Protein backbone atom coordinates (compact mmCIF):
# COMPACT_ATOMS: atom_id res chain seq x y z
CA MET A 1 60.53 136.93 141.49
CA SER A 2 63.85 135.37 140.79
CA LYS A 3 64.81 132.08 142.27
CA LYS A 4 68.55 130.99 142.74
CA PHE A 5 69.38 127.37 142.25
CA ASP A 6 72.38 125.68 143.88
CA VAL A 7 73.65 123.06 141.22
CA LYS A 8 75.93 120.57 142.73
CA VAL A 9 77.61 117.67 140.61
CA LYS A 10 78.08 114.40 142.30
CA LYS A 11 80.68 112.37 140.80
CA THR A 12 79.98 108.61 140.56
CA GLY A 13 82.21 105.52 139.43
CA GLY A 14 85.92 105.11 139.63
CA GLY A 15 86.92 108.35 137.95
CA GLY A 16 90.05 106.98 136.43
CA PRO A 17 90.84 106.86 132.72
CA GLN A 18 88.66 104.53 130.76
CA GLN A 19 90.06 101.15 129.83
CA PRO A 20 89.92 100.32 125.96
CA ASP A 21 87.86 97.63 124.82
CA PRO A 22 89.94 94.37 124.67
CA PHE A 23 88.58 93.39 121.51
CA TRP A 24 90.29 96.21 119.64
CA ALA A 25 93.47 95.72 121.69
CA LEU A 26 93.51 92.19 120.46
CA ILE A 27 93.18 93.16 116.85
CA VAL A 28 95.80 95.82 116.95
CA SER A 29 98.20 93.35 118.42
CA VAL A 30 97.54 90.82 115.66
CA LEU A 31 98.12 93.36 113.09
CA LYS A 32 101.40 94.44 114.48
CA ALA A 33 102.67 90.93 114.68
CA ILE A 34 102.16 90.51 110.78
CA PRO A 35 105.68 90.71 109.10
CA PRO A 36 106.17 92.84 105.96
CA LYS A 37 106.21 89.69 103.67
CA GLY A 38 102.61 89.02 105.31
CA TRP A 39 101.52 92.47 104.36
CA LEU A 40 102.73 91.99 100.73
CA VAL A 41 100.59 88.72 100.54
CA VAL A 42 97.57 90.57 102.24
CA VAL A 43 97.84 93.58 99.67
CA LEU A 44 98.31 91.15 96.89
CA VAL A 45 95.13 89.15 97.76
CA LEU A 46 93.02 92.22 98.35
CA GLY A 47 94.14 93.56 94.73
CA VAL A 48 93.14 90.20 93.20
CA LEU A 49 89.79 90.30 94.94
CA THR A 50 89.11 93.84 93.80
CA ALA A 51 90.63 94.29 90.39
CA GLY A 52 91.08 90.66 89.26
CA THR A 53 93.75 88.58 87.60
CA PRO A 54 95.85 89.61 84.45
CA HIS A 55 95.01 87.76 81.21
CA LEU A 56 96.91 88.01 77.95
CA LEU A 57 94.89 88.51 74.54
CA ILE A 58 95.04 85.29 72.55
CA SER A 59 92.63 86.24 69.71
CA TYR A 60 89.97 88.61 68.54
CA THR A 61 87.08 88.38 66.09
CA CYS A 62 86.18 91.63 63.87
CA HIS A 63 83.83 92.23 60.91
CA GLY A 64 85.29 91.58 57.40
CA ARG A 65 88.88 92.05 57.09
CA CYS A 66 90.83 92.70 60.43
CA ASN A 67 93.20 95.57 60.12
CA LYS A 68 94.19 98.47 62.80
CA PHE A 69 91.12 100.39 62.10
CA SER A 70 88.53 97.45 62.33
CA GLN A 71 86.18 97.26 65.41
CA HIS A 72 86.71 94.06 67.34
CA TYR A 73 83.48 92.44 69.02
CA ASP A 74 84.74 89.42 70.52
CA CYS A 75 88.17 88.98 72.61
CA ALA A 76 89.70 85.58 73.79
CA TYR A 77 92.31 85.80 76.72
CA LEU A 78 94.26 83.41 78.59
CA GLY A 79 95.35 83.87 82.19
CA VAL A 80 95.67 82.42 85.64
CA GLN A 81 92.11 81.24 85.55
CA GLY A 82 92.51 79.69 82.09
CA MET A 83 90.66 80.50 78.66
CA ARG A 84 88.10 83.46 78.67
CA ARG A 85 85.99 83.77 75.48
CA ASN A 86 83.39 86.41 74.41
CA VAL A 87 84.78 89.12 76.54
CA GLN A 88 83.52 92.33 75.19
CA PRO A 89 86.15 94.97 74.36
CA GLU A 90 86.37 98.05 76.61
CA HIS A 91 87.89 100.95 74.83
CA GLN A 92 86.70 102.02 71.38
CA GLY A 93 85.92 98.63 70.27
CA ARG A 94 89.50 97.29 70.59
CA CYS A 95 90.71 94.52 72.65
CA SER A 96 93.47 95.37 74.91
CA ALA A 97 96.65 93.25 74.89
CA ILE A 98 96.62 92.63 78.66
CA ARG A 99 93.47 92.92 80.86
CA LEU A 100 92.56 92.61 84.42
CA LEU A 101 89.40 89.99 84.43
CA PRO A 102 87.35 89.49 87.73
CA LEU A 103 87.74 86.20 89.62
CA ASP A 104 84.98 83.23 88.90
CA LEU A 105 83.67 82.77 92.37
């Protein structure tokens, strides 16, 4: 008992190429219109938001006499956002000379 089926595909709709979403076309056109200096500003702003702003070491505190072998426990930095105190040292108990600190938002 075998039955044979006759399958037919009926095409509905326009059949032409699909038009892209106008929202994405607008986004692409805006991004193409940004000049190279504008991209530099965009990259700089994104870098500051993700990594932070540069700060310079002003002073540090250590136990006893401070020498090159002592452990620091308090670092004070001065940078774009002003003075930052009580910053904990990152690497082996030493304060780095320049450090990227996140924004105060």
